[in-house]
Amino acid sequence: MKNILLILLIVCISCTKKTQTNEMKLSQMSAPEVVKSFVQLSASAKTSQDKKQLIDSSGGDLRRAFERMSEDEFKLTYLSGQLKVEKVDILDTSIQNDVAKVRYQVVIENLQGTETTLETNEREAELKKGANGWAIESIRLKGSDKIAFTRGMIF
């Protein structure tokens, strides 16, 4: 019985440390690093816990979109493995006070349909700096005023 309690205690402590490490890491990242991490996690999400990480790195409309997403919607959209980020290139970053705009190009391998395709898109993320570091407020196709959703995914 003591061994089981000891194991549970170790598991709880390690989970707590992992969460603190993720939060610390996010707060120490630059705006372009937050964007790159968010995009890569969007396409490589493996568990529902990844949804929390996506929420933690977002704010504003983007955060609300993730918070409204049911677990079933998240699983269907993010955990299906149909899209894979091949490459993320940061093209330009501008920072004024606590607002950053990061323009980037993302190459996605789309496994849906009968043939695999590579899709290249240019996007612009707007971030705001808060107490926990940079948070992505919105991601848009370059030159558009609409939030970028690709087959339900935000990246």
C-alpha atoms as a PDB file:
ATOM      1  CA  MET A   1       0.000   0.000   0.000  1.00  0.00           C
ATOM      2  CA  LYS A   2       2.838   2.379   0.875  1.00  0.00           C
ATOM      3  CA  ASN A   3       4.487   1.628  -2.464  1.00  0.00           C
ATOM      4  CA  ILE A   4       1.315   2.522  -4.355  1.00  0.00           C
ATOM      5  CA  LEU A   5       0.981   5.817  -2.465  1.00  0.00           C
ATOM      6  CA  LEU A   6       4.643   6.595  -3.140  1.00  0.00           C
ATOM      7  CA  ILE A   7       4.191   5.908  -6.870  1.00  0.00           C
ATOM      8  CA  LEU A   8       1.067   8.102  -7.023  1.00  0.00           C
ATOM      9  CA  LEU A   9       2.909  10.899  -5.228  1.00  0.00           C
ATOM     10  CA  ILE A  10       5.831  10.695  -7.681  1.00  0.00           C
ATOM     11  CA  VAL A  11       3.446  10.740 -10.662  1.00  0.00           C
ATOM     12  CA  CYS A  12       1.603  13.789  -9.271  1.00  0.00           C
ATOM     13  CA  ILE A  13       4.857  15.652  -8.640  1.00  0.00           C
ATOM     14  CA  SER A  14       6.195  14.877 -12.112  1.00  0.00           C
ATOM     15  CA  CYS A  15       2.937  16.078 -13.718  1.00  0.00           C
ATOM     16  CA  THR A  16       3.084  19.308 -11.730  1.00  0.00           C
ATOM     17  CA  LYS A  17       6.723  19.885 -12.702  1.00  0.00           C
ATOM     18  CA  LYS A  18       5.907  19.295 -16.374  1.00  0.00           C
ATOM     19  CA  THR A  19       3.122  21.908 -16.286  1.00  0.00           C
ATOM     20  CA  GLN A  20       5.358  24.441 -14.545  1.00  0.00           C
ATOM     21  CA  THR A  21       8.132  23.785 -17.067  1.00  0.00           C
ATOM     22  CA  ASN A  22       5.751  24.328 -20.018  1.00  0.00           C
ATOM     23  CA  GLU A  23       4.499  27.596 -18.516  1.00  0.00           C
ATOM     24  CA  MET A  24       8.033  28.788 -17.783  1.00  0.00           C
ATOM     25  CA  LYS A  25       9.200  27.833 -21.230  1.00  0.00           C
ATOM     26  CA  LEU A  26       6.321  29.721 -22.870  1.00  0.00           C
ATOM     27  CA  SER A  27       7.036  32.839 -20.820  1.00  0.00           C
ATOM     28  CA  GLN A  28      10.678  32.772 -21.917  1.00  0.00           C
ATOM     29  CA  MET A  29       9.983  32.383 -25.649  1.00  0.00           C
ATOM     30  CA  SER A  30      10.210  35.182 -28.199  1.00  0.00           C
ATOM     31  CA  ALA A  31       7.159  36.018 -30.331  1.00  0.00           C
ATOM     32  CA  PRO A  32       8.498  34.100 -33.390  1.00  0.00           C
ATOM     33  CA  GLU A  33       9.310  31.083 -31.188  1.00  0.00           C
ATOM     34  CA  VAL A  34       5.764  31.058 -29.785  1.00  0.00           C
ATOM     35  CA  VAL A  35       4.332  31.138 -33.320  1.00  0.00           C
ATOM     36  CA  LYS A  36       6.612  28.354 -34.568  1.00  0.00           C
ATOM     37  CA  SER A  37       5.865  26.190 -31.529  1.00  0.00           C
ATOM     38  CA  PHE A  38       2.104  26.773 -31.893  1.00  0.00           C
ATOM     39  CA  VAL A  39       2.105  25.867 -35.602  1.00  0.00           C
ATOM     40  CA  GLN A  40       4.138  22.702 -35.045  1.00  0.00           C
ATOM     41  CA  LEU A  41       1.956  21.606 -32.119  1.00  0.00           C
ATOM     42  CA  SER A  42      -1.218  22.291 -34.123  1.00  0.00           C
ATOM     43  CA  ALA A  43      -0.296  19.676 -36.694  1.00  0.00           C
ATOM     44  CA  SER A  44       1.431  17.212 -34.360  1.00  0.00           C
ATOM     45  CA  ALA A  45      -1.091  17.109 -31.496  1.00  0.00           C
ATOM     46  CA  LYS A  46      -1.394  13.604 -30.105  1.00  0.00           C
ATOM     47  CA  THR A  47      -3.571  13.991 -27.006  1.00  0.00           C
ATOM     48  CA  SER A  48      -6.256  16.200 -25.551  1.00  0.00           C
ATOM     49  CA  GLN A  49      -3.554  17.662 -23.258  1.00  0.00           C
ATOM     50  CA  ASP A  50      -2.116  19.338 -26.369  1.00  0.00           C
ATOM     51  CA  LYS A  51      -5.320  21.399 -26.552  1.00  0.00           C
ATOM     52  CA  LYS A  52      -4.405  22.959 -23.197  1.00  0.00           C
ATOM     53  CA  GLN A  53      -0.974  23.890 -24.537  1.00  0.00           C
ATOM     54  CA  LEU A  54      -2.570  25.496 -27.600  1.00  0.00           C
ATOM     55  CA  ILE A  55      -4.943  27.433 -25.331  1.00  0.00           C
ATOM     56  CA  ASP A  56      -2.055  28.511 -23.088  1.00  0.00           C
ATOM     57  CA  SER A  57      -0.180  29.996 -26.044  1.00  0.00           C
ATOM     58  CA  SER A  58      -3.205  31.870 -27.384  1.00  0.00           C
ATOM     59  CA  GLY A  59      -5.331  34.833 -26.365  1.00  0.00           C
ATOM     60  CA  GLY A  60      -8.291  36.868 -27.600  1.00  0.00           C
ATOM     61  CA  ASP A  61     -10.408  35.374 -30.404  1.00  0.00           C
ATOM     62  CA  LEU A  62      -8.005  32.484 -30.905  1.00  0.00           C
ATOM     63  CA  ARG A  63      -8.203  31.440 -27.266  1.00  0.00           C
ATOM     64  CA  ARG A  64     -12.010  31.688 -27.311  1.00  0.00           C
ATOM     65  CA  ALA A  65     -12.138  29.472 -30.432  1.00  0.00           C
ATOM     66  CA  PHE A  66     -10.146  26.746 -28.664  1.00  0.00           C
ATOM     67  CA  GLU A  67     -12.117  27.080 -25.418  1.00  0.00           C
ATOM     68  CA  ARG A  68     -15.428  26.661 -27.304  1.00  0.00           C
ATOM     69  CA  MET A  69     -14.135  23.590 -29.152  1.00  0.00           C
ATOM     70  CA  SER A  70     -15.516  20.378 -27.643  1.00  0.00           C
ATOM     71  CA  GLU A  71     -13.205  17.457 -26.933  1.00  0.00           C
ATOM     72  CA  ASP A  72     -14.815  15.526 -29.799  1.00  0.00           C
ATOM     73  CA  GLU A  73     -14.260  18.435 -32.210  1.00  0.00           C
ATOM     74  CA  PHE A  74     -10.642  18.699 -31.090  1.00  0.00           C
ATOM     75  CA  LYS A  75     -10.054  14.974 -31.569  1.00  0.00           C
ATOM     76  CA  LEU A  76     -11.671  14.978 -35.007  1.00  0.00           C
ATOM     77  CA  THR A  77      -9.855  18.107 -36.189  1.00  0.00           C
ATOM     78  CA  TYR A  78      -6.440  17.896 -34.539  1.00  0.00           C
ATOM     79  CA  LEU A  79      -5.817  14.263 -33.678  1.00  0.00           C
ATOM     80  CA  SER A  80      -6.698  12.756 -37.059  1.00  0.00           C
ATOM     81  CA  GLY A  81      -3.127  13.133 -38.364  1.00  0.00           C
ATOM     82  CA  GLN A  82      -4.297  14.231 -41.818  1.00  0.00           C
ATOM     83  CA  LEU A  83      -2.096  17.349 -41.933  1.00  0.00           C
ATOM     84  CA  LYS A  84       1.623  17.445 -41.224  1.00  0.00           C
ATOM     85  CA  VAL A  85       3.784  20.565 -40.951  1.00  0.00           C
ATOM     86  CA  GLU A  86       6.780  20.052 -43.203  1.00  0.00           C
ATOM     87  CA  LYS A  87       8.373  23.435 -42.657  1.00  0.00           C
ATOM     88  CA  VAL A  88       7.777  26.753 -40.880  1.00  0.00           C
ATOM     89  CA  ASP A  89       9.845  29.762 -41.926  1.00  0.00           C
ATOM     90  CA  ILE A  90       9.619  33.060 -40.080  1.00  0.00           C
ATOM     91  CA  LEU A  91       9.699  35.753 -42.779  1.00  0.00           C
ATOM     92  CA  ASP A  92       9.340  38.957 -40.782  1.00  0.00           C
ATOM     93  CA  THR A  93       8.729  40.122 -37.228  1.00  0.00           C
ATOM     94  CA  SER A  94       7.737  43.582 -36.049  1.00  0.00           C
ATOM     95  CA  ILE A  95       7.297  44.459 -32.389  1.00  0.00           C
ATOM     96  CA  GLN A  96       5.870  47.689 -31.023  1.00  0.00           C
ATOM     97  CA  ASN A  97       5.426  47.908 -27.263  1.00  0.00           C
ATOM     98  CA  ASP A  98       3.515  44.767 -26.254  1.00  0.00           C
ATOM     99  CA  VAL A  99       2.178  43.879 -29.724  1.00  0.00           C
ATOM    100  CA  ALA A 100       4.033  41.749 -32.262  1.00  0.00           C
ATOM    101  CA  LYS A 101       3.244  40.729 -35.814  1.00  0.00           C
ATOM    102  CA  VAL A 102       4.982  37.648 -37.128  1.00  0.00           C
ATOM    103  CA  ARG A 103       4.731  36.840 -40.829  1.00  0.00           C
ATOM    104  CA  TYR A 104       5.590  33.254 -41.678  1.00  0.00           C
ATOM    105  CA  GLN A 105       5.336  30.655 -44.390  1.00  0.00           C
ATOM    106  CA  VAL A 106       4.099  27.182 -43.593  1.00  0.00           C
ATOM    107  CA  VAL A 107       4.398  24.116 -45.810  1.00  0.00           C
ATOM    108  CA  ILE A 108       1.766  21.486 -45.002  1.00  0.00           C
ATOM    109  CA  GLU A 109       1.633  17.911 -46.217  1.00  0.00           C
ATOM    110  CA  ASN A 110      -2.053  17.135 -46.721  1.00  0.00           C
ATOM    111  CA  LEU A 111      -2.770  13.414 -46.438  1.00  0.00           C
ATOM    112  CA  GLN A 112      -6.500  13.779 -47.104  1.00  0.00           C
ATOM    113  CA  GLY A 113      -7.936  12.667 -50.397  1.00  0.00           C
ATOM    114  CA  THR A 114      -6.530  10.206 -52.903  1.00  0.00           C
ATOM    115  CA  GLU A 115      -3.167  11.919 -53.356  1.00  0.00           C
ATOM    116  CA  THR A 116      -0.867  13.525 -50.819  1.00  0.00           C
ATOM    117  CA  THR A 117      -0.266  17.186 -51.591  1.00  0.00           C
ATOM    118  CA  LEU A 118       2.079  19.887 -50.315  1.00  0.00           C
ATOM    119  CA  GLU A 119       0.452  23.234 -49.631  1.00  0.00           C
ATOM    120  CA  THR A 120       2.403  26.429 -48.991  1.00  0.00           C
ATOM    121  CA  ASN A 121       0.662  29.314 -47.255  1.00  0.00           C
ATOM    122  CA  GLU A 122       1.831  32.658 -45.970  1.00  0.00           C
ATOM    123  CA  ARG A 123       0.271  33.727 -42.697  1.00  0.00           C
ATOM    124  CA  GLU A 124       0.504  36.559 -40.210  1.00  0.00           C
ATOM    125  CA  ALA A 125       0.102  36.105 -36.479  1.00  0.00           C
ATOM    126  CA  GLU A 126      -0.610  38.938 -34.095  1.00  0.00           C
ATOM    127  CA  LEU A 127       0.584  38.459 -30.547  1.00  0.00           C
ATOM    128  CA  LYS A 128       0.215  40.413 -27.319  1.00  0.00           C
ATOM    129  CA  LYS A 129       2.635  40.262 -24.451  1.00  0.00           C
ATOM    130  CA  GLY A 130       1.137  39.609 -21.042  1.00  0.00           C
ATOM    131  CA  ALA A 131       2.253  38.396 -17.638  1.00  0.00           C
ATOM    132  CA  ASN A 132       2.834  34.870 -19.005  1.00  0.00           C
ATOM    133  CA  GLY A 133       4.748  35.990 -22.103  1.00  0.00           C
ATOM    134  CA  TRP A 134       3.602  36.256 -25.716  1.00  0.00           C
ATOM    135  CA  ALA A 135       0.117  34.975 -26.611  1.00  0.00           C
ATOM    136  CA  ILE A 136      -1.193  34.598 -30.161  1.00  0.00           C
ATOM    137  CA  GLU A 137      -4.309  36.741 -30.588  1.00  0.00           C
ATOM    138  CA  SER A 138      -5.026  35.830 -34.209  1.00  0.00           C
ATOM    139  CA  ILE A 139      -3.594  34.060 -37.229  1.00  0.00           C
ATOM    140  CA  ARG A 140      -4.634  35.249 -40.661  1.00  0.00           C
ATOM    141  CA  LEU A 141      -3.797  34.416 -44.224  1.00  0.00           C
ATOM    142  CA  LYS A 142      -1.457  37.187 -45.355  1.00  0.00           C
ATOM    143  CA  GLY A 143      -3.531  40.066 -46.705  1.00  0.00           C
ATOM    144  CA  SER A 144      -6.819  38.795 -45.235  1.00  0.00           C
ATOM    145  CA  ASP A 145      -8.920  39.989 -42.334  1.00  0.00           C
ATOM    146  CA  LYS A 146     -10.271  36.509 -41.607  1.00  0.00           C
ATOM    147  CA  ILE A 147      -8.818  34.109 -39.078  1.00  0.00           C
ATOM    148  CA  ALA A 148      -7.083  31.228 -40.850  1.00  0.00           C
ATOM    149  CA  PHE A 149      -8.852  27.880 -40.397  1.00  0.00           C
ATOM    150  CA  THR A 150      -7.740  25.008 -42.583  1.00  0.00           C
ATOM    151  CA  ARG A 151     -10.198  22.117 -42.454  1.00  0.00           C
ATOM    152  CA  GLY A 152     -11.068  23.294 -38.936  1.00  0.00           C
ATOM    153  CA  MET A 153      -7.449  23.583 -37.785  1.00  0.00           C
ATOM    154  CA  ILE A 154      -5.803  26.820 -36.783  1.00  0.00           C
ATOM    155  CA  PHE A 155      -2.089  27.066 -37.625  1.00  0.00           C
END
